[in-house]
């Protein structure tokens, strides 16, 4: 991936490509691990709407290559929903309600 550097991430995936684990080395990082789920652009928008409807605090981030939603579940586990369908999501976010 174009965002990879000489420091990582170290990536591991299954033969079918349906499971992908990316391990990033960070300095000056205080926090827990984040579990990320990759989805299509349409699924990303559906998740955003659902998570807002149930009252979760979301952080929407445009990584310029992909979009991510960051949030914590009721047990304070850090989660991310991410999509590579950046253009689709950008168009949906700019669409008037």
PDB file of N, CA and C in Angstrom:
ATOM      1  N   UNK A   1       0.831  -1.189   0.000  1.00  0.00           N
ATOM      2  CA  UNK A   1       0.000   0.000   0.000  1.00  0.00           C
ATOM      3  C   UNK A   1       0.874   1.250   0.000  1.00  0.00           C
ATOM      4  N   UNK A   2       0.356   2.304  -0.573  1.00  0.00           N
ATOM      5  CA  UNK A   2       1.137   3.530  -0.684  1.00  0.00           C
ATOM      6  C   UNK A   2       1.394   4.183   0.671  1.00  0.00           C
ATOM      7  N   UNK A   3       0.596   3.857   1.681  1.00  0.00           N
ATOM      8  CA  UNK A   3       0.786   4.453   2.999  1.00  0.00           C
ATOM      9  C   UNK A   3       1.805   3.700   3.842  1.00  0.00           C
ATOM     10  N   UNK A   4       2.294   2.579   3.351  1.00  0.00           N
ATOM     11  CA  UNK A   4       3.283   1.796   4.095  1.00  0.00           C
ATOM     12  C   UNK A   4       4.634   2.512   4.088  1.00  0.00           C
ATOM     13  N   UNK A   5       5.372   2.356   5.164  1.00  0.00           N
ATOM     14  CA  UNK A   5       6.702   2.941   5.289  1.00  0.00           C
ATOM     15  C   UNK A   5       7.693   1.840   5.613  1.00  0.00           C
ATOM     16  N   UNK A   6       8.953   2.194   5.715  1.00  0.00           N
ATOM     17  CA  UNK A   6       9.963   1.191   6.072  1.00  0.00           C
ATOM     18  C   UNK A   6       9.750   0.669   7.490  1.00  0.00           C
ATOM     19  N   UNK A   7       8.950   1.401   8.310  1.00  0.00           N
ATOM     20  CA  UNK A   7       8.650   0.960   9.678  1.00  0.00           C
ATOM     21  C   UNK A   7       7.358   0.163   9.751  1.00  0.00           C
ATOM     22  N   UNK A   8       6.725  -0.091   8.627  1.00  0.00           N
ATOM     23  CA  UNK A   8       5.534  -0.914   8.676  1.00  0.00           C
ATOM     24  C   UNK A   8       4.382  -0.326   7.906  1.00  0.00           C
ATOM     25  N   UNK A   9       3.277  -0.974   7.977  1.00  0.00           N
ATOM     26  CA  UNK A   9       2.944  -2.022   8.926  1.00  0.00           C
ATOM     27  C   UNK A   9       3.418  -3.407   8.468  1.00  0.00           C
ATOM     28  N   UNK A  10       3.536  -4.299   9.425  1.00  0.00           N
ATOM     29  CA  UNK A  10       3.731  -5.708   9.148  1.00  0.00           C
ATOM     30  C   UNK A  10       2.329  -6.245   8.869  1.00  0.00           C
ATOM     31  N   UNK A  11       2.132  -6.869   7.718  1.00  0.00           N
ATOM     32  CA  UNK A  11       0.801  -7.351   7.371  1.00  0.00           C
ATOM     33  C   UNK A  11       0.797  -8.855   7.193  1.00  0.00           C
ATOM     34  N   UNK A  12      -0.299  -9.457   7.600  1.00  0.00           N
ATOM     35  CA  UNK A  12      -0.516 -10.892   7.470  1.00  0.00           C
ATOM     36  C   UNK A  12      -1.947 -11.064   6.987  1.00  0.00           C
ATOM     37  N   UNK A  13      -2.148 -11.947   6.005  1.00  0.00           N
ATOM     38  CA  UNK A  13      -3.519 -12.209   5.568  1.00  0.00           C
ATOM     39  C   UNK A  13      -3.685 -13.670   5.204  1.00  0.00           C
ATOM     40  N   UNK A  14      -4.940 -14.115   5.227  1.00  0.00           N
ATOM     41  CA  UNK A  14      -5.223 -15.495   4.856  1.00  0.00           C
ATOM     42  C   UNK A  14      -5.122 -15.653   3.340  1.00  0.00           C
ATOM     43  N   UNK A  15      -5.097 -16.889   2.881  1.00  0.00           N
ATOM     44  CA  UNK A  15      -4.930 -17.160   1.448  1.00  0.00           C
ATOM     45  C   UNK A  15      -6.046 -16.571   0.606  1.00  0.00           C
ATOM     46  N   UNK A  16      -7.250 -16.488   1.153  1.00  0.00           N
ATOM     47  CA  UNK A  16      -8.375 -15.943   0.412  1.00  0.00           C
ATOM     48  C   UNK A  16      -8.437 -14.432   0.426  1.00  0.00           C
ATOM     49  N   UNK A  17      -7.636 -13.788   1.258  1.00  0.00           N
ATOM     50  CA  UNK A  17      -7.622 -12.335   1.343  1.00  0.00           C
ATOM     51  C   UNK A  17      -8.797 -11.743   2.104  1.00  0.00           C
ATOM     52  N   UNK A  18      -9.539 -12.585   2.832  1.00  0.00           N
ATOM     53  CA  UNK A  18     -10.695 -12.058   3.565  1.00  0.00           C
ATOM     54  C   UNK A  18     -10.332 -11.583   4.967  1.00  0.00           C
ATOM     55  N   UNK A  19      -9.192 -12.011   5.484  1.00  0.00           N
ATOM     56  CA  UNK A  19      -8.717 -11.565   6.794  1.00  0.00           C
ATOM     57  C   UNK A  19      -7.359 -10.915   6.598  1.00  0.00           C
ATOM     58  N   UNK A  20      -7.205  -9.703   7.097  1.00  0.00           N
ATOM     59  CA  UNK A  20      -5.970  -8.953   6.912  1.00  0.00           C
ATOM     60  C   UNK A  20      -5.620  -8.299   8.239  1.00  0.00           C
ATOM     61  N   UNK A  21      -4.458  -8.617   8.767  1.00  0.00           N
ATOM     62  CA  UNK A  21      -3.981  -8.066  10.029  1.00  0.00           C
ATOM     63  C   UNK A  21      -2.804  -7.138   9.720  1.00  0.00           C
ATOM     64  N   UNK A  22      -2.913  -5.882  10.145  1.00  0.00           N
ATOM     65  CA  UNK A  22      -1.830  -4.907   9.942  1.00  0.00           C
ATOM     66  C   UNK A  22      -1.331  -4.455  11.312  1.00  0.00           C
ATOM     67  N   UNK A  23      -0.054  -4.637  11.555  1.00  0.00           N
ATOM     68  CA  UNK A  23       0.562  -4.259  12.826  1.00  0.00           C
ATOM     69  C   UNK A  23       1.462  -3.051  12.595  1.00  0.00           C
ATOM     70  N   UNK A  24       1.155  -1.962  13.288  1.00  0.00           N
ATOM     71  CA  UNK A  24       1.899  -0.724  13.147  1.00  0.00           C
ATOM     72  C   UNK A  24       2.802  -0.516  14.353  1.00  0.00           C
ATOM     73  N   UNK A  25       4.026  -0.065  14.117  1.00  0.00           N
ATOM     74  CA  UNK A  25       4.924   0.297  15.197  1.00  0.00           C
ATOM     75  C   UNK A  25       4.761   1.787  15.463  1.00  0.00           C
ATOM     76  N   UNK A  26       4.487   2.149  16.707  1.00  0.00           N
ATOM     77  CA  UNK A  26       4.262   3.546  17.049  1.00  0.00           C
ATOM     78  C   UNK A  26       5.211   3.957  18.172  1.00  0.00           C
ATOM     79  N   UNK A  27       5.595   5.210  18.142  1.00  0.00           N
ATOM     80  CA  UNK A  27       6.349   5.778  19.251  1.00  0.00           C
ATOM     81  C   UNK A  27       5.453   6.801  19.923  1.00  0.00           C
ATOM     82  N   UNK A  28       5.661   7.020  21.205  1.00  0.00           N
ATOM     83  CA  UNK A  28       4.867   7.984  21.968  1.00  0.00           C
ATOM     84  C   UNK A  28       3.375   7.722  21.830  1.00  0.00           C
ATOM     85  N   UNK A  29       2.985   6.456  21.894  1.00  0.00           N
ATOM     86  CA  UNK A  29       1.579   6.090  21.774  1.00  0.00           C
ATOM     87  C   UNK A  29       1.107   5.503  23.083  1.00  0.00           C
ATOM     88  N   UNK A  30       0.069   6.106  23.615  1.00  0.00           N
ATOM     89  CA  UNK A  30      -0.562   5.560  24.810  1.00  0.00           C
ATOM     90  C   UNK A  30      -1.970   5.161  24.441  1.00  0.00           C
ATOM     91  N   UNK A  31      -2.280   3.926  24.589  1.00  0.00           N
ATOM     92  CA  UNK A  31      -3.621   3.479  24.258  1.00  0.00           C
ATOM     93  C   UNK A  31      -3.650   1.987  24.043  1.00  0.00           C
ATOM     94  N   UNK A  32      -4.801   1.538  23.647  1.00  0.00           N
ATOM     95  CA  UNK A  32      -5.018   0.121  23.423  1.00  0.00           C
ATOM     96  C   UNK A  32      -4.952  -0.190  21.933  1.00  0.00           C
ATOM     97  N   UNK A  33      -5.112  -1.436  21.628  1.00  0.00           N
ATOM     98  CA  UNK A  33      -5.176  -1.863  20.239  1.00  0.00           C
ATOM     99  C   UNK A  33      -6.516  -1.480  19.645  1.00  0.00           C
ATOM    100  N   UNK A  34      -6.546  -1.339  18.335  1.00  0.00           N
ATOM    101  CA  UNK A  34      -7.774  -1.063  17.614  1.00  0.00           C
ATOM    102  C   UNK A  34      -8.048  -2.225  16.682  1.00  0.00           C
ATOM    103  N   UNK A  35      -9.292  -2.679  16.663  1.00  0.00           N
ATOM    104  CA  UNK A  35      -9.704  -3.712  15.724  1.00  0.00           C
ATOM    105  C   UNK A  35     -10.440  -3.015  14.598  1.00  0.00           C
ATOM    106  N   UNK A  36      -9.996  -3.246  13.357  1.00  0.00           N
ATOM    107  CA  UNK A  36     -10.587  -2.580  12.196  1.00  0.00           C
ATOM    108  C   UNK A  36     -11.312  -3.589  11.319  1.00  0.00           C
ATOM    109  N   UNK A  37     -12.427  -3.141  10.761  1.00  0.00           N
ATOM    110  CA  UNK A  37     -13.224  -3.946   9.847  1.00  0.00           C
ATOM    111  C   UNK A  37     -13.306  -3.219   8.514  1.00  0.00           C
ATOM    112  N   UNK A  38     -12.906  -3.863   7.441  1.00  0.00           N
ATOM    113  CA  UNK A  38     -12.974  -3.281   6.113  1.00  0.00           C
ATOM    114  C   UNK A  38     -14.321  -3.568   5.479  1.00  0.00           C
ATOM    115  N   UNK A  39     -14.937  -2.540   4.905  1.00  0.00           N
ATOM    116  CA  UNK A  39     -16.259  -2.669   4.299  1.00  0.00           C
ATOM    117  C   UNK A  39     -16.300  -1.905   2.972  1.00  0.00           C
ATOM    118  N   UNK A  40     -17.355  -2.112   2.215  1.00  0.00           N
ATOM    119  CA  UNK A  40     -17.569  -1.355   0.985  1.00  0.00           C
ATOM    120  C   UNK A  40     -18.010   0.065   1.349  1.00  0.00           C
ATOM    121  N   UNK A  41     -18.028   0.942   0.369  1.00  0.00           N
ATOM    122  CA  UNK A  41     -18.477   2.309   0.621  1.00  0.00           C
ATOM    123  C   UNK A  41     -19.919   2.376   1.089  1.00  0.00           C
ATOM    124  N   UNK A  42     -20.793   1.575   0.461  1.00  0.00           N
ATOM    125  CA  UNK A  42     -22.197   1.551   0.870  1.00  0.00           C
ATOM    126  C   UNK A  42     -22.373   1.055   2.291  1.00  0.00           C
ATOM    127  N   UNK A  43     -21.645  -0.001   2.654  1.00  0.00           N
ATOM    128  CA  UNK A  43     -21.708  -0.518   4.025  1.00  0.00           C
ATOM    129  C   UNK A  43     -21.175   0.505   5.012  1.00  0.00           C
ATOM    130  N   UNK A  44     -20.144   1.245   4.628  1.00  0.00           N
ATOM    131  CA  UNK A  44     -19.566   2.279   5.485  1.00  0.00           C
ATOM    132  C   UNK A  44     -20.626   3.320   5.848  1.00  0.00           C
ATOM    133  N   UNK A  45     -21.363   3.795   4.850  1.00  0.00           N
ATOM    134  CA  UNK A  45     -22.402   4.798   5.093  1.00  0.00           C
ATOM    135  C   UNK A  45     -23.495   4.215   5.983  1.00  0.00           C
ATOM    136  N   UNK A  46     -23.900   2.967   5.749  1.00  0.00           N
ATOM    137  CA  UNK A  46     -24.921   2.326   6.591  1.00  0.00           C
ATOM    138  C   UNK A  46     -24.444   2.219   8.038  1.00  0.00           C
ATOM    139  N   UNK A  47     -23.175   1.848   8.241  1.00  0.00           N
ATOM    140  CA  UNK A  47     -22.631   1.760   9.600  1.00  0.00           C
ATOM    141  C   UNK A  47     -22.600   3.133  10.263  1.00  0.00           C
ATOM    142  N   UNK A  48     -22.199   4.150   9.515  1.00  0.00           N
ATOM    143  CA  UNK A  48     -22.158   5.510  10.065  1.00  0.00           C
ATOM    144  C   UNK A  48     -23.536   5.917  10.565  1.00  0.00           C
ATOM    145  N   UNK A  49     -24.549   5.714   9.742  1.00  0.00           N
ATOM    146  CA  UNK A  49     -25.916   6.067  10.121  1.00  0.00           C
ATOM    147  C   UNK A  49     -26.359   5.270  11.340  1.00  0.00           C
ATOM    148  N   UNK A  50     -26.113   3.966  11.335  1.00  0.00           N
ATOM    149  CA  UNK A  50     -26.515   3.111  12.463  1.00  0.00           C
ATOM    150  C   UNK A  50     -25.836   3.531  13.766  1.00  0.00           C
ATOM    151  N   UNK A  51     -24.540   3.728  13.715  1.00  0.00           N
ATOM    152  CA  UNK A  51     -23.807   4.073  14.941  1.00  0.00           C
ATOM    153  C   UNK A  51     -24.234   5.439  15.474  1.00  0.00           C
ATOM    154  N   UNK A  52     -24.528   6.383  14.588  1.00  0.00           N
ATOM    155  CA  UNK A  52     -25.046   7.684  15.035  1.00  0.00           C
ATOM    156  C   UNK A  52     -26.435   7.522  15.643  1.00  0.00           C
ATOM    157  N   UNK A  53     -27.264   6.668  15.030  1.00  0.00           N
ATOM    158  CA  UNK A  53     -28.628   6.446  15.532  1.00  0.00           C
ATOM    159  C   UNK A  53     -28.645   5.845  16.930  1.00  0.00           C
ATOM    160  N   UNK A  54     -27.656   4.991  17.252  1.00  0.00           N
ATOM    161  CA  UNK A  54     -27.616   4.395  18.593  1.00  0.00           C
ATOM    162  C   UNK A  54     -26.843   5.266  19.583  1.00  0.00           C
ATOM    163  N   UNK A  55     -26.397   6.441  19.138  1.00  0.00           N
ATOM    164  CA  UNK A  55     -25.803   7.425  20.035  1.00  0.00           C
ATOM    165  C   UNK A  55     -24.327   7.262  20.342  1.00  0.00           C
ATOM    166  N   UNK A  56     -23.604   6.492  19.535  1.00  0.00           N
ATOM    167  CA  UNK A  56     -22.162   6.358  19.777  1.00  0.00           C
ATOM    168  C   UNK A  56     -21.426   7.588  19.258  1.00  0.00           C
ATOM    169  N   UNK A  57     -20.416   7.993  19.989  1.00  0.00           N
ATOM    170  CA  UNK A  57     -19.566   9.102  19.554  1.00  0.00           C
ATOM    171  C   UNK A  57     -18.594   8.574  18.512  1.00  0.00           C
ATOM    172  N   UNK A  58     -18.626   9.168  17.329  1.00  0.00           N
ATOM    173  CA  UNK A  58     -17.783   8.724  16.220  1.00  0.00           C
ATOM    174  C   UNK A  58     -16.737   9.768  15.877  1.00  0.00           C
ATOM    175  N   UNK A  59     -15.607   9.276  15.403  1.00  0.00           N
ATOM    176  CA  UNK A  59     -14.612  10.161  14.810  1.00  0.00           C
ATOM    177  C   UNK A  59     -14.453   9.712  13.361  1.00  0.00           C
ATOM    178  N   UNK A  60     -14.870  10.565  12.444  1.00  0.00           N
ATOM    179  CA  UNK A  60     -14.774  10.296  11.012  1.00  0.00           C
ATOM    180  C   UNK A  60     -13.462  10.881  10.511  1.00  0.00           C
ATOM    181  N   UNK A  61     -12.648  10.050   9.863  1.00  0.00           N
ATOM    182  CA  UNK A  61     -11.345  10.509   9.381  1.00  0.00           C
ATOM    183  C   UNK A  61     -11.194  10.208   7.903  1.00  0.00           C
ATOM    184  N   UNK A  62     -10.845  11.241   7.149  1.00  0.00           N
ATOM    185  CA  UNK A  62     -10.517  11.094   5.732  1.00  0.00           C
ATOM    186  C   UNK A  62      -9.004  10.953   5.649  1.00  0.00           C
ATOM    187  N   UNK A  63      -8.538   9.753   5.338  1.00  0.00           N
ATOM    188  CA  UNK A  63      -7.100   9.490   5.232  1.00  0.00           C
ATOM    189  C   UNK A  63      -6.554   9.827   3.841  1.00  0.00           C
ATOM    190  N   UNK A  64      -7.395  10.421   3.003  1.00  0.00           N
ATOM    191  CA  UNK A  64      -7.072  10.798   1.618  1.00  0.00           C
ATOM    192  C   UNK A  64      -6.952   9.600   0.684  1.00  0.00           C
ATOM    193  N   UNK A  65      -6.839   8.405   1.209  1.00  0.00           N
ATOM    194  CA  UNK A  65      -6.873   7.182   0.419  1.00  0.00           C
ATOM    195  C   UNK A  65      -8.082   6.339   0.789  1.00  0.00           C
ATOM    196  N   UNK A  66      -8.565   6.538   1.990  1.00  0.00           N
ATOM    197  CA  UNK A  66      -9.679   5.765   2.532  1.00  0.00           C
ATOM    198  C   UNK A  66     -10.352   6.585   3.631  1.00  0.00           C
ATOM    199  N   UNK A  67     -11.528   6.162   4.021  1.00  0.00           N
ATOM    200  CA  UNK A  67     -12.231   6.764   5.154  1.00  0.00           C
ATOM    201  C   UNK A  67     -12.275   5.768   6.295  1.00  0.00           C
ATOM    202  N   UNK A  68     -12.243   6.291   7.527  1.00  0.00           N
ATOM    203  CA  UNK A  68     -12.377   5.457   8.714  1.00  0.00           C
ATOM    204  C   UNK A  68     -13.335   6.097   9.695  1.00  0.00           C
ATOM    205  N   UNK A  69     -14.096   5.245  10.376  1.00  0.00           N
ATOM    206  CA  UNK A  69     -14.909   5.634  11.521  1.00  0.00           C
ATOM    207  C   UNK A  69     -14.268   5.001  12.741  1.00  0.00           C
ATOM    208  N   UNK A  70     -13.966   5.798  13.749  1.00  0.00           N
ATOM    209  CA  UNK A  70     -13.384   5.296  14.996  1.00  0.00           C
ATOM    210  C   UNK A  70     -14.400   5.488  16.106  1.00  0.00           C
ATOM    211  N   UNK A  71     -14.533   4.485  16.966  1.00  0.00           N
ATOM    212  CA  UNK A  71     -15.469   4.562  18.084  1.00  0.00           C
ATOM    213  C   UNK A  71     -15.113   3.493  19.105  1.00  0.00           C
ATOM    214  N   UNK A  72     -15.735   3.576  20.268  1.00  0.00           N
ATOM    215  CA  UNK A  72     -15.557   2.569  21.312  1.00  0.00           C
ATOM    216  C   UNK A  72     -16.876   1.845  21.526  1.00  0.00           C
ATOM    217  N   UNK A  73     -16.787   0.555  21.764  1.00  0.00           N
ATOM    218  CA  UNK A  73     -17.994  -0.206  22.073  1.00  0.00           C
ATOM    219  C   UNK A  73     -18.350  -0.007  23.551  1.00  0.00           C
ATOM    220  N   UNK A  74     -19.454  -0.570  24.026  1.00  0.00           N
ATOM    221  CA  UNK A  74     -19.862  -0.351  25.428  1.00  0.00           C
ATOM    222  C   UNK A  74     -18.841  -0.820  26.461  1.00  0.00           C
ATOM    223  N   UNK A  75     -17.891  -1.678  26.077  1.00  0.00           N
ATOM    224  CA  UNK A  75     -16.865  -2.168  27.000  1.00  0.00           C
ATOM    225  C   UNK A  75     -15.557  -1.416  26.812  1.00  0.00           C
ATOM    226  N   UNK A  76     -15.601  -0.321  26.057  1.00  0.00           N
ATOM    227  CA  UNK A  76     -14.476   0.575  25.824  1.00  0.00           C
ATOM    228  C   UNK A  76     -13.373  -0.020  24.939  1.00  0.00           C
ATOM    229  N   UNK A  77     -13.731  -1.013  24.118  1.00  0.00           N
ATOM    230  CA  UNK A  77     -12.792  -1.515  23.113  1.00  0.00           C
ATOM    231  C   UNK A  77     -12.780  -0.547  21.938  1.00  0.00           C
ATOM    232  N   UNK A  78     -11.601  -0.248  21.420  1.00  0.00           N
ATOM    233  CA  UNK A  78     -11.473   0.678  20.296  1.00  0.00           C
ATOM    234  C   UNK A  78     -11.707  -0.065  18.984  1.00  0.00           C
ATOM    235  N   UNK A  79     -12.610   0.470  18.163  1.00  0.00           N
ATOM    236  CA  UNK A  79     -12.978  -0.169  16.912  1.00  0.00           C
ATOM    237  C   UNK A  79     -12.870   0.824  15.758  1.00  0.00           C
ATOM    238  N   UNK A  80     -12.669   0.288  14.575  1.00  0.00           N
ATOM    239  CA  UNK A  80     -12.580   1.113  13.368  1.00  0.00           C
ATOM    240  C   UNK A  80     -13.331   0.401  12.252  1.00  0.00           C
ATOM    241  N   UNK A  81     -14.104   1.148  11.519  1.00  0.00           N
ATOM    242  CA  UNK A  81     -14.692   0.659  10.276  1.00  0.00           C
ATOM    243  C   UNK A  81     -14.052   1.489   9.180  1.00  0.00           C
ATOM    244  N   UNK A  82     -13.475   0.809   8.191  1.00  0.00           N
ATOM    245  CA  UNK A  82     -12.718   1.517   7.167  1.00  0.00           C
ATOM    246  C   UNK A  82     -13.126   1.051   5.780  1.00  0.00           C
ATOM    247  N   UNK A  83     -12.989   1.950   4.807  1.00  0.00           N
ATOM    248  CA  UNK A  83     -13.301   1.605   3.427  1.00  0.00           C
ATOM    249  C   UNK A  83     -12.295   2.242   2.483  1.00  0.00           C
ATOM    250  N   UNK A  84     -11.989   1.512   1.432  1.00  0.00           N
ATOM    251  CA  UNK A  84     -11.137   2.043   0.367  1.00  0.00           C
ATOM    252  C   UNK A  84     -11.958   2.763  -0.692  1.00  0.00           C
ATOM    253  N   UNK A  85     -13.285   2.733  -0.569  1.00  0.00           N
ATOM    254  CA  UNK A  85     -14.175   3.388  -1.529  1.00  0.00           C
ATOM    255  C   UNK A  85     -14.318   4.872  -1.184  1.00  0.00           C
ATOM    256  N   UNK A  86     -13.191   5.570  -1.152  1.00  0.00           N
ATOM    257  CA  UNK A  86     -13.161   6.963  -0.692  1.00  0.00           C
ATOM    258  C   UNK A  86     -14.055   7.866  -1.520  1.00  0.00           C
ATOM    259  N   UNK A  87     -13.983   7.766  -2.835  1.00  0.00           N
ATOM    260  CA  UNK A  87     -14.765   8.657  -3.689  1.00  0.00           C
ATOM    261  C   UNK A  87     -16.260   8.471  -3.458  1.00  0.00           C
ATOM    262  N   UNK A  88     -16.702   7.219  -3.321  1.00  0.00           N
ATOM    263  CA  UNK A  88     -18.110   6.947  -3.059  1.00  0.00           C
ATOM    264  C   UNK A  88     -18.544   7.595  -1.742  1.00  0.00           C
ATOM    265  N   UNK A  89     -17.764   7.388  -0.691  1.00  0.00           N
ATOM    266  CA  UNK A  89     -18.106   7.944   0.618  1.00  0.00           C
ATOM    267  C   UNK A  89     -18.097   9.462   0.574  1.00  0.00           C
ATOM    268  N   UNK A  90     -17.096  10.057  -0.059  1.00  0.00           N
ATOM    269  CA  UNK A  90     -17.026  11.510  -0.167  1.00  0.00           C
ATOM    270  C   UNK A  90     -18.284  12.058  -0.837  1.00  0.00           C
ATOM    271  N   UNK A  91     -18.719  11.435  -1.928  1.00  0.00           N
ATOM    272  CA  UNK A  91     -19.937  11.869  -2.607  1.00  0.00           C
ATOM    273  C   UNK A  91     -21.160  11.727  -1.718  1.00  0.00           C
ATOM    274  N   UNK A  92     -21.248  10.643  -0.960  1.00  0.00           N
ATOM    275  CA  UNK A  92     -22.390  10.435  -0.064  1.00  0.00           C
ATOM    276  C   UNK A  92     -22.389  11.458   1.076  1.00  0.00           C
ATOM    277  N   UNK A  93     -21.227  11.780   1.607  1.00  0.00           N
ATOM    278  CA  UNK A  93     -21.146  12.744   2.707  1.00  0.00           C
ATOM    279  C   UNK A  93     -21.493  14.155   2.241  1.00  0.00           C
ATOM    280  N   UNK A  94     -21.204  14.471   0.981  1.00  0.00           N
ATOM    281  CA  UNK A  94     -21.487  15.799   0.452  1.00  0.00           C
ATOM    282  C   UNK A  94     -22.920  15.951  -0.043  1.00  0.00           C
ATOM    283  N   UNK A  95     -23.637  14.827  -0.148  1.00  0.00           N
ATOM    284  CA  UNK A  95     -25.019  14.852  -0.639  1.00  0.00           C
ATOM    285  C   UNK A  95     -25.918  15.503   0.413  1.00  0.00           C
ATOM    286  N   UNK A  96     -26.781  16.436  -0.007  1.00  0.00           N
ATOM    287  CA  UNK A  96     -27.700  17.049   0.966  1.00  0.00           C
ATOM    288  C   UNK A  96     -28.664  16.005   1.520  1.00  0.00           C
ATOM    289  N   UNK A  97     -29.020  16.153   2.783  1.00  0.00           N
ATOM    290  CA  UNK A  97     -29.936  15.177   3.415  1.00  0.00           C
ATOM    291  C   UNK A  97     -31.303  15.252   2.849  1.00  0.00           C
TER     292      UNK A  97
END
